[in-house]
């Protein structure tokens, strides 16, 4: 390998490290700030004044310089430009027109780099940058048509052509996020879903596990806003086949998709769909399907539910202690949703807002945005109108005072030993026991 290649590989290795997803900030900063970039772009909710003009000018200059580097022939120079753009777009919401006049140049150079057989590090970085650009501009007028005409075919082709698994996985993730944000036509969404299913089942060739994970996550993200009833049975069985996969992340991604599908059924029909009433509620009886018995509806799912239960309690020594612990934690929530309809819960606090998520659809969307934005997720959740629309937070309000609770109120409402928490725990336990009893009753074939 030449000295130039060594330098290129080193540059992209450092770049890939910089792009890694972080759940929290650096050195106690929830935005992952610190260092040169923070001094350049400032923090969320800065005071208006002369400093803001300097920050705006500096960002515009930095963006222009970074975009110019994308057209350079030297790979390490392009890597510097890509890394700078990713940092800026992650940590600053460019919704003030600072990027608009250079958008066409940026997209043209980025797609050109993707077309010309980039190496692994550059390809992954370019896909991350493309996702950030999509999040920055959002579903503006004409975005769906532009994505379907120029970007979708390129990412589909690259996902199949890329030699290394991490390159293919990056293309799949970028494709999923872009389709989720801007695509409006069912035919375009179907092309993406076909590719994901192709990778998941290995219809062309067996895919490496990192690509399978990306395809499973992409399928879940795209289907989180679509009707799942028509693909329920075949999808559950397809994902159930992956619950025995050697890789924990593959098992978890497949399980989460199963939980999302069952969660939608529980939400729509409650327990009635287990009694065969789902087909009637969906109008299938008018098409000649008639009502189904409980056995017919559950046919093929008993083994799936039992497998999820096993994964949620597995203690086999052939897996590492770390994997066993992570698997039990993940599959307890999955099994709770599939078996009892218990929704998952997650809270995100940001600038006086509290984002509460209690379904797998929203968690899929949250995970995708966190993955794309990394340490800049909280910044975008506070300022980016796209994210606030997705999660129902409304317009940003930086002047809203933070509500403070007294120690007594915290003990009353937030403590695990509070009456509210105890009541919620007892109700969930009752619901789980009742669903477990009903499921055992049906599986044994007992009659009333």
Protein backbone atom coordinates (compact mmCIF):
# COMPACT_ATOMS: atom_id res chain seq x y z
CA UNK A 1 0.00 0.00 0.00
CA UNK A 2 1.32 3.45 -0.93
CA UNK A 3 1.87 6.32 1.50
CA UNK A 4 -1.09 8.12 -0.08
CA UNK A 5 -3.35 5.12 0.54
CA UNK A 6 -2.14 4.90 4.13
CA UNK A 7 -3.01 8.54 4.65
CA UNK A 8 -6.43 8.06 3.04
CA UNK A 9 -7.25 5.02 5.17
CA UNK A 10 -6.12 6.83 8.30
CA UNK A 11 -8.21 9.89 7.47
CA UNK A 12 -11.39 7.88 6.91
CA UNK A 13 -10.73 5.76 9.99
CA UNK A 14 -10.66 8.92 12.06
CA UNK A 15 -13.72 10.20 10.20
CA UNK A 16 -15.71 7.03 10.89
CA UNK A 17 -14.87 7.30 14.56
CA UNK A 18 -16.15 10.87 14.59
CA UNK A 19 -19.42 9.73 13.03
CA UNK A 20 -20.18 7.08 15.66
CA UNK A 21 -23.60 7.43 17.31
CA UNK A 22 -23.55 8.67 20.86
CA UNK A 23 -26.54 8.55 23.18
CA UNK A 24 -25.30 11.35 25.36
CA UNK A 25 -23.03 14.34 25.19
CA UNK A 26 -19.33 14.78 25.78
CA UNK A 27 -18.01 15.85 29.14
CA UNK A 28 -21.49 16.30 30.55
CA UNK A 29 -22.78 18.30 27.58
CA UNK A 30 -26.05 16.74 26.44
CA UNK A 31 -25.52 18.04 22.93
CA UNK A 32 -22.19 16.38 22.44
CA UNK A 33 -20.62 19.83 22.17
CA UNK A 34 -17.24 21.08 23.11
CA UNK A 35 -14.20 22.16 21.19
CA UNK A 36 -13.97 24.08 17.99
CA UNK A 37 -17.47 23.54 16.67
CA UNK A 38 -19.26 24.83 19.76
CA UNK A 39 -17.37 28.11 19.54
CA UNK A 40 -18.34 28.29 15.89
CA UNK A 41 -22.08 27.63 16.05
CA UNK A 42 -22.98 28.56 19.62
CA UNK A 43 -25.55 26.83 21.79
CA UNK A 44 -29.28 26.34 21.57
CA UNK A 45 -31.24 29.36 22.65
CA UNK A 46 -28.40 31.93 22.47
CA UNK A 47 -29.24 35.54 23.06
CA UNK A 48 -29.94 37.59 19.94
CA UNK A 49 -27.47 40.32 19.06
CA UNK A 50 -24.21 41.02 17.31
CA UNK A 51 -22.74 37.64 18.32
CA UNK A 52 -25.45 35.84 16.35
CA UNK A 53 -24.45 37.66 13.16
CA UNK A 54 -20.82 36.59 13.63
CA UNK A 55 -21.90 33.01 14.22
CA UNK A 56 -24.11 33.04 11.11
CA UNK A 57 -21.28 34.43 8.95
CA UNK A 58 -18.78 31.93 10.32
CA UNK A 59 -21.10 28.97 9.66
CA UNK A 60 -21.78 30.16 6.12
CA UNK A 61 -18.04 30.44 5.48
CA UNK A 62 -17.35 27.02 6.97
CA UNK A 63 -20.13 25.46 4.89
CA UNK A 64 -18.79 27.01 1.69
CA UNK A 65 -15.27 25.80 2.40
CA UNK A 66 -16.44 22.27 3.25
CA UNK A 67 -18.63 22.01 0.14
CA UNK A 68 -15.70 23.07 -2.07
CA UNK A 69 -13.64 20.19 -0.66
CA UNK A 70 -16.20 17.63 -1.90
CA UNK A 71 -15.10 18.21 -5.51
CA UNK A 72 -11.41 17.56 -4.77
CA UNK A 73 -9.69 14.51 -6.27
CA UNK A 74 -7.72 13.60 -3.16
CA UNK A 75 -9.76 11.28 -0.91
CA UNK A 76 -8.33 12.62 2.35
CA UNK A 77 -9.28 16.18 1.32
CA UNK A 78 -12.83 15.09 0.58
CA UNK A 79 -12.92 13.34 3.93
CA UNK A 80 -12.13 16.61 5.67
CA UNK A 81 -14.99 18.34 3.87
CA UNK A 82 -17.45 15.53 4.61
CA UNK A 83 -16.49 15.47 8.29
CA UNK A 84 -16.94 19.24 8.58
CA UNK A 85 -20.36 19.14 6.95
CA UNK A 86 -21.53 16.32 9.20
CA UNK A 87 -20.42 18.20 12.31
CA UNK A 88 -22.16 21.39 11.25
CA UNK A 89 -25.42 19.76 10.16
CA UNK A 90 -25.58 17.62 13.28
CA UNK A 91 -24.93 20.39 15.77
CA UNK A 92 -26.68 23.28 14.06
CA UNK A 93 -30.17 23.40 12.54
CA UNK A 94 -29.60 25.23 9.26
CA UNK A 95 -33.17 26.41 8.83
CA UNK A 96 -32.28 30.07 8.32
CA UNK A 97 -31.39 29.87 4.62
CA UNK A 98 -27.67 29.56 5.26
CA UNK A 99 -27.52 26.33 3.22
CA UNK A 100 -30.21 27.02 0.62
CA UNK A 101 -28.13 28.78 -1.99
CA UNK A 102 -25.52 26.00 -1.98
CA UNK A 103 -27.94 23.11 -1.89
CA UNK A 104 -27.73 22.23 -5.58
CA UNK A 105 -23.93 22.29 -5.55
CA UNK A 106 -23.81 20.20 -2.36
CA UNK A 107 -26.21 17.55 -3.69
CA UNK A 108 -24.50 17.39 -7.08
CA UNK A 109 -21.05 16.88 -5.52
CA UNK A 110 -22.35 14.37 -2.95
CA UNK A 111 -24.13 12.20 -5.52
CA UNK A 112 -21.12 12.42 -7.82
CA UNK A 113 -18.90 11.09 -5.04
CA UNK A 114 -21.32 8.23 -4.40
CA UNK A 115 -21.43 7.27 -8.08
CA UNK A 116 -17.64 7.08 -8.50
CA UNK A 117 -16.95 3.94 -6.43
CA UNK A 118 -15.91 5.46 -3.11
CA UNK A 119 -13.91 3.46 -0.60
CA UNK A 120 -15.62 2.08 2.49
CA UNK A 121 -15.01 5.00 4.85
CA UNK A 122 -16.02 7.61 2.30
CA UNK A 123 -19.15 5.70 1.26
CA UNK A 124 -20.37 5.39 4.86
CA UNK A 125 -19.66 9.07 5.53
CA UNK A 126 -21.44 10.17 2.36
CA UNK A 127 -24.56 8.20 3.30
CA UNK A 128 -24.55 9.78 6.76
CA UNK A 129 -24.21 13.23 5.18
CA UNK A 130 -27.08 12.51 2.79
CA UNK A 131 -29.32 11.56 5.73
CA UNK A 132 -28.46 14.83 7.49
CA UNK A 133 -29.26 16.86 4.39
CA UNK A 134 -32.66 15.16 4.15
CA UNK A 135 -33.36 15.93 7.82
CA UNK A 136 -32.24 19.54 7.34
CA UNK A 137 -34.49 20.31 4.38
CA UNK A 138 -37.34 17.97 5.28
CA UNK A 139 -40.36 17.16 3.11
CA UNK A 140 -40.44 20.45 1.25
CA UNK A 141 -42.26 20.82 -2.06
CA UNK A 142 -40.77 18.61 -4.74
CA UNK A 143 -38.48 16.74 -2.33
CA UNK A 144 -40.27 13.44 -2.85
CA UNK A 145 -40.01 13.63 -6.63
CA UNK A 146 -36.34 14.61 -6.46
CA UNK A 147 -35.56 11.75 -4.08
CA UNK A 148 -37.44 9.21 -6.20
CA UNK A 149 -35.81 10.37 -9.44
CA UNK A 150 -32.17 10.89 -8.39
CA UNK A 151 -31.42 9.41 -4.99
CA UNK A 152 -33.59 6.31 -4.61
CA UNK A 153 -32.29 4.48 -7.71
CA UNK A 154 -28.69 5.32 -6.79
CA UNK A 155 -29.00 4.07 -3.19
CA UNK A 156 -30.80 0.90 -4.28
CA UNK A 157 -28.04 0.16 -6.78
CA UNK A 158 -25.27 0.96 -4.32
CA UNK A 159 -26.83 -1.17 -1.58
CA UNK A 160 -26.56 -4.13 -3.97
CA UNK A 161 -23.17 -3.22 -5.50
CA UNK A 162 -21.13 -2.16 -2.46
CA UNK A 163 -18.54 -4.80 -1.68
CA UNK A 164 -18.22 -4.28 2.05
CA UNK A 165 -21.11 -4.90 4.48
CA UNK A 166 -20.78 -1.55 6.26
CA UNK A 167 -21.14 0.26 2.93
CA UNK A 168 -24.31 -1.60 2.02
CA UNK A 169 -25.74 -1.07 5.52
CA UNK A 170 -25.07 2.68 5.33
CA UNK A 171 -26.87 2.90 1.98
CA UNK A 172 -29.85 0.99 3.38
CA UNK A 173 -30.11 3.27 6.42
CA UNK A 174 -29.92 6.41 4.31
CA UNK A 175 -32.51 5.01 1.91
CA UNK A 176 -34.89 4.18 4.77
CA UNK A 177 -34.61 7.60 6.39
CA UNK A 178 -35.01 9.43 3.09
CA UNK A 179 -38.05 7.37 2.16
CA UNK A 180 -39.58 7.94 5.60
CA UNK A 181 -39.13 11.73 5.44
CA UNK A 182 -39.92 12.68 1.85
CA UNK A 183 -41.57 9.87 -0.13
CA UNK A 184 -45.29 10.29 -0.73
CA UNK A 185 -45.96 7.78 -3.52
CA UNK A 186 -46.82 4.20 -2.55
CA UNK A 187 -44.95 2.85 -5.57
CA UNK A 188 -41.69 4.46 -4.42
CA UNK A 189 -42.16 3.15 -0.89
CA UNK A 190 -42.80 -0.31 -2.32
CA UNK A 191 -39.42 -0.24 -4.11
CA UNK A 192 -37.69 0.42 -0.80
CA UNK A 193 -39.63 -2.29 1.02
CA UNK A 194 -38.83 -4.78 -1.75
CA UNK A 195 -35.13 -4.09 -1.32
CA UNK A 196 -35.31 -4.46 2.47
CA UNK A 197 -37.16 -7.77 2.17
CA UNK A 198 -34.68 -8.94 -0.46
CA UNK A 199 -31.82 -8.37 1.98
CA UNK A 200 -33.68 -9.85 4.96
CA UNK A 201 -34.54 -13.15 3.25
CA UNK A 202 -31.37 -13.26 1.14
CA UNK A 203 -33.25 -13.84 -2.10
CA UNK A 204 -30.31 -12.73 -4.29
CA UNK A 205 -27.51 -13.86 -1.97
CA UNK A 206 -27.09 -14.32 1.78
CA UNK A 207 -26.50 -10.89 3.29
CA UNK A 208 -24.03 -10.16 6.11
CA UNK A 209 -25.63 -9.51 9.47
CA UNK A 210 -24.93 -5.74 9.46
CA UNK A 211 -26.90 -5.41 6.23
CA UNK A 212 -29.72 -7.57 7.61
CA UNK A 213 -29.92 -5.34 10.70
CA UNK A 214 -30.07 -2.19 8.56
CA UNK A 215 -32.77 -3.75 6.35
CA UNK A 216 -34.85 -4.83 9.37
CA UNK A 217 -34.59 -1.37 10.91
CA UNK A 218 -35.37 0.29 7.59
CA UNK A 219 -38.43 -1.90 7.08
CA UNK A 220 -39.67 -1.06 10.57
CA UNK A 221 -39.11 2.68 10.09
CA UNK A 222 -40.91 2.82 6.76
CA UNK A 223 -43.81 0.64 7.95
CA UNK A 224 -44.21 2.70 11.12
CA UNK A 225 -46.46 5.11 9.19
CA UNK A 226 -48.07 2.59 6.83
CA UNK A 227 -50.90 0.08 7.05
CA UNK A 228 -49.55 -3.21 8.40
CA UNK A 229 -52.71 -5.31 8.40
CA UNK A 230 -52.20 -6.55 4.84
CA UNK A 231 -48.69 -7.83 5.52
CA UNK A 232 -49.19 -8.92 9.13
CA UNK A 233 -49.07 -12.70 8.91
CA UNK A 234 -46.32 -13.12 6.33
CA UNK A 235 -44.15 -10.49 7.98
CA UNK A 236 -44.46 -11.98 11.47
CA UNK A 237 -43.47 -15.41 10.16
CA UNK A 238 -40.58 -13.96 8.15
CA UNK A 239 -39.17 -12.10 11.14
CA UNK A 240 -39.80 -15.04 13.47
CA UNK A 241 -37.36 -17.08 11.40
CA UNK A 242 -34.63 -14.65 12.45
CA UNK A 243 -35.25 -15.02 16.19
CA UNK A 244 -32.74 -17.88 16.22
CA UNK A 245 -30.05 -15.90 14.40
CA UNK A 246 -26.57 -16.02 15.92
CA UNK A 247 -26.32 -12.23 16.14
CA UNK A 248 -28.12 -10.50 19.02
CA UNK A 249 -28.80 -7.29 17.07
CA UNK A 250 -30.48 -9.27 14.28
CA UNK A 251 -32.68 -11.08 16.82
CA UNK A 252 -33.54 -7.79 18.52
CA UNK A 253 -34.36 -5.95 15.27
CA UNK A 254 -36.57 -8.83 14.11
CA UNK A 255 -38.29 -8.96 17.52
CA UNK A 256 -38.95 -5.23 17.51
CA UNK A 257 -40.63 -5.47 14.12
CA UNK A 258 -42.81 -8.31 15.40
CA UNK A 259 -43.70 -6.22 18.45
CA UNK A 260 -44.61 -3.26 16.24
CA UNK A 261 -46.92 -5.44 14.14
CA UNK A 262 -48.62 -6.98 17.18
CA UNK A 263 -48.76 -3.61 18.91
CA UNK A 264 -50.81 -2.22 16.06
CA UNK A 265 -53.21 -5.15 16.29
CA UNK A 266 -53.59 -4.75 20.06
CA UNK A 267 -54.17 -1.03 19.66
CA UNK A 268 -56.80 -1.46 16.98
CA UNK A 269 -58.66 -4.54 18.16
CA UNK A 270 -57.67 -5.05 21.78
CA UNK A 271 -58.10 -8.70 22.66
CA UNK A 272 -60.99 -9.13 20.21
CA UNK A 273 -58.73 -10.00 17.29
CA UNK A 274 -57.59 -13.11 19.18
CA UNK A 275 -61.22 -14.21 19.22
CA UNK A 276 -61.43 -13.96 15.45
CA UNK A 277 -63.22 -10.62 15.37
CA UNK A 278 -60.40 -8.82 13.58
CA UNK A 279 -61.44 -10.19 10.21
CA UNK A 280 -65.00 -8.97 10.72
CA UNK A 281 -63.81 -5.58 11.91
CA UNK A 282 -61.66 -5.33 8.80
CA UNK A 283 -64.53 -6.18 6.48
CA UNK A 284 -63.15 -9.55 5.37
CA UNK A 285 -66.51 -11.21 5.90
CA UNK A 286 -67.88 -9.19 3.00
CA UNK A 287 -65.18 -10.62 0.77
CA UNK A 288 -66.08 -14.20 1.57
CA UNK A 289 -63.48 -14.72 4.28
CA UNK A 290 -66.00 -14.90 7.07
CA UNK A 291 -65.12 -14.77 10.72
CA UNK A 292 -62.18 -16.83 11.87
CA UNK A 293 -61.99 -18.98 14.95
CA UNK A 294 -59.44 -18.23 17.64
CA UNK A 295 -57.39 -21.22 16.53
CA UNK A 296 -57.25 -19.98 12.95
CA UNK A 297 -56.10 -16.50 13.93
CA UNK A 298 -53.44 -17.85 16.32
CA UNK A 299 -52.33 -20.57 13.94
CA UNK A 300 -48.59 -20.19 13.44
CA UNK A 301 -48.18 -17.60 16.19
CA UNK A 302 -48.07 -19.88 19.25
CA UNK A 303 -44.48 -20.87 18.47
CA UNK A 304 -43.57 -17.21 17.90
CA UNK A 305 -44.95 -16.14 21.27
CA UNK A 306 -43.22 -19.04 23.00
CA UNK A 307 -39.90 -18.21 21.31
CA UNK A 308 -40.15 -14.60 22.46
CA UNK A 309 -40.86 -15.77 25.98
CA UNK A 310 -37.79 -18.01 25.91
CA UNK A 311 -35.59 -15.18 24.66
CA UNK A 312 -36.87 -12.91 27.44
CA UNK A 313 -35.77 -15.41 30.10
CA UNK A 314 -32.82 -17.16 28.45
CA UNK A 315 -29.86 -18.12 30.65
CA UNK A 316 -27.98 -20.47 28.30
CA UNK A 317 -24.24 -20.45 28.95
CA UNK A 318 -23.26 -20.67 25.30
CA UNK A 319 -24.02 -16.93 25.02
CA UNK A 320 -21.88 -14.35 26.79
CA UNK A 321 -23.16 -12.86 30.04
CA UNK A 322 -23.36 -9.43 28.40
CA UNK A 323 -25.43 -10.76 25.48
CA UNK A 324 -27.76 -12.68 27.79
CA UNK A 325 -28.42 -9.59 29.89
CA UNK A 326 -29.01 -7.35 26.85
CA UNK A 327 -31.25 -9.94 25.24
CA UNK A 328 -33.44 -10.41 28.32
CA UNK A 329 -33.83 -6.66 28.72
CA UNK A 330 -34.83 -6.18 25.08
CA UNK A 331 -37.15 -9.15 24.75
CA UNK A 332 -39.02 -8.54 28.00
CA UNK A 333 -40.55 -5.45 26.39
CA UNK A 334 -41.09 -7.25 23.09
CA UNK A 335 -42.77 -10.22 24.76
CA UNK A 336 -44.86 -7.89 26.90
CA UNK A 337 -46.27 -6.22 23.79
CA UNK A 338 -46.82 -9.39 21.76
CA UNK A 339 -48.24 -11.46 24.59
CA UNK A 340 -50.17 -8.88 26.60
CA UNK A 341 -50.36 -5.68 24.59
CA UNK A 342 -48.16 -3.80 27.07
CA UNK A 343 -46.72 -0.77 25.24
CA UNK A 344 -43.06 0.23 25.68
CA UNK A 345 -42.33 3.51 27.40
CA UNK A 346 -39.59 6.08 26.91
CA UNK A 347 -39.22 9.72 27.93
CA UNK A 348 -36.96 12.39 26.45
CA UNK A 349 -36.67 15.75 28.21
CA UNK A 350 -35.52 18.81 26.27
CA UNK A 351 -35.85 22.52 27.12
CA UNK A 352 -39.04 22.23 29.13
CA UNK A 353 -40.62 19.74 26.71
CA UNK A 354 -41.18 16.13 27.68
CA UNK A 355 -41.43 13.68 24.80
CA UNK A 356 -43.33 10.58 25.88
CA UNK A 357 -43.32 7.56 23.59
CA UNK A 358 -45.50 4.55 24.23
CA UNK A 359 -45.57 2.54 21.02
CA UNK A 360 -43.03 0.74 18.86
CA UNK A 361 -43.79 2.90 15.82
CA UNK A 362 -42.56 6.04 17.58
CA UNK A 363 -39.58 4.20 19.05
CA UNK A 364 -38.55 3.11 15.56
CA UNK A 365 -38.66 6.72 14.41
CA UNK A 366 -36.78 7.93 17.48
CA UNK A 367 -34.05 5.33 16.97
CA UNK A 368 -33.58 6.31 13.31
CA UNK A 369 -33.28 10.01 14.14
CA UNK A 370 -30.86 9.33 16.97
CA UNK A 371 -28.73 7.18 14.69
CA UNK A 372 -28.59 9.85 12.00
CA UNK A 373 -28.06 12.85 14.28
CA UNK A 374 -25.82 11.31 16.91
CA UNK A 375 -24.69 13.86 19.47
CA UNK A 376 -26.82 16.54 17.76
CA UNK A 377 -30.12 14.76 18.39
CA UNK A 378 -31.22 16.94 21.31
CA UNK A 379 -30.30 20.10 19.42
CA UNK A 380 -32.51 19.10 16.49
CA UNK A 381 -35.29 17.91 18.77
CA UNK A 382 -35.35 21.43 20.26
CA UNK A 383 -35.09 23.39 16.99
CA UNK A 384 -35.78 21.24 13.95
CA UNK A 385 -39.41 21.60 12.91
CA UNK A 386 -39.33 18.25 11.08
CA UNK A 387 -38.52 16.33 14.25
CA UNK A 388 -41.00 18.32 16.28
CA UNK A 389 -43.72 17.53 13.74
CA UNK A 390 -42.82 13.83 13.73
CA UNK A 391 -43.05 13.57 17.51
CA UNK A 392 -45.92 16.02 17.96
CA UNK A 393 -44.00 18.65 19.93
CA UNK A 394 -45.34 21.68 18.06
CA UNK A 395 -43.36 24.83 17.36
CA UNK A 396 -40.14 25.42 19.33
CA UNK A 397 -40.59 27.62 22.41
CA UNK A 398 -37.30 28.63 23.97
CA UNK A 399 -38.88 31.13 26.37
CA UNK A 400 -40.97 28.52 28.16
CA UNK A 401 -39.89 28.36 31.82
CA UNK A 402 -38.90 24.97 33.13
CA UNK A 403 -41.37 23.53 35.56
CA UNK A 404 -39.74 22.46 38.80
CA UNK A 405 -41.19 19.87 41.12
CA UNK A 406 -40.67 19.89 44.85
CA UNK A 407 -39.01 16.91 46.54
CA UNK A 408 -42.41 15.88 47.88
CA UNK A 409 -43.97 15.97 44.40
CA UNK A 410 -41.10 13.93 42.99
CA UNK A 411 -41.64 11.29 45.66
CA UNK A 412 -45.37 11.33 45.01
CA UNK A 413 -45.28 11.04 41.21
CA UNK A 414 -41.82 9.98 40.00
CA UNK A 415 -40.48 7.59 42.60
CA UNK A 416 -40.76 3.85 41.86
CA UNK A 417 -42.31 3.54 45.32
CA UNK A 418 -44.97 6.16 44.70
CA UNK A 419 -48.63 5.20 44.68
CA UNK A 420 -48.87 6.07 40.98
CA UNK A 421 -46.04 3.71 40.09
CA UNK A 422 -47.34 0.93 42.33
CA UNK A 423 -50.82 1.18 40.82
CA UNK A 424 -49.44 1.13 37.29
CA UNK A 425 -47.28 -1.91 38.08
CA UNK A 426 -50.20 -3.79 39.59
CA UNK A 427 -52.44 -3.03 36.61
CA UNK A 428 -49.83 -4.24 34.15
CA UNK A 429 -49.22 -7.39 36.15
CA UNK A 430 -52.94 -8.09 36.17
CA UNK A 431 -53.19 -7.55 32.40
CA UNK A 432 -50.19 -9.81 31.75
CA UNK A 433 -51.56 -12.57 33.94
CA UNK A 434 -54.97 -12.35 32.31
CA UNK A 435 -53.50 -12.47 28.79
CA UNK A 436 -51.23 -15.38 29.76
CA UNK A 437 -54.16 -17.27 31.21
CA UNK A 438 -56.24 -16.69 28.09
CA UNK A 439 -53.38 -17.72 25.80
CA UNK A 440 -52.80 -20.97 27.71
CA UNK A 441 -56.54 -21.61 27.62
CA UNK A 442 -56.67 -21.25 23.84
CA UNK A 443 -53.49 -23.26 23.20
CA UNK A 444 -54.80 -26.18 25.32
CA UNK A 445 -58.07 -26.09 23.42
CA UNK A 446 -60.14 -25.99 26.60
CA UNK A 447 -63.80 -25.27 26.23
CA UNK A 448 -65.80 -22.92 28.41
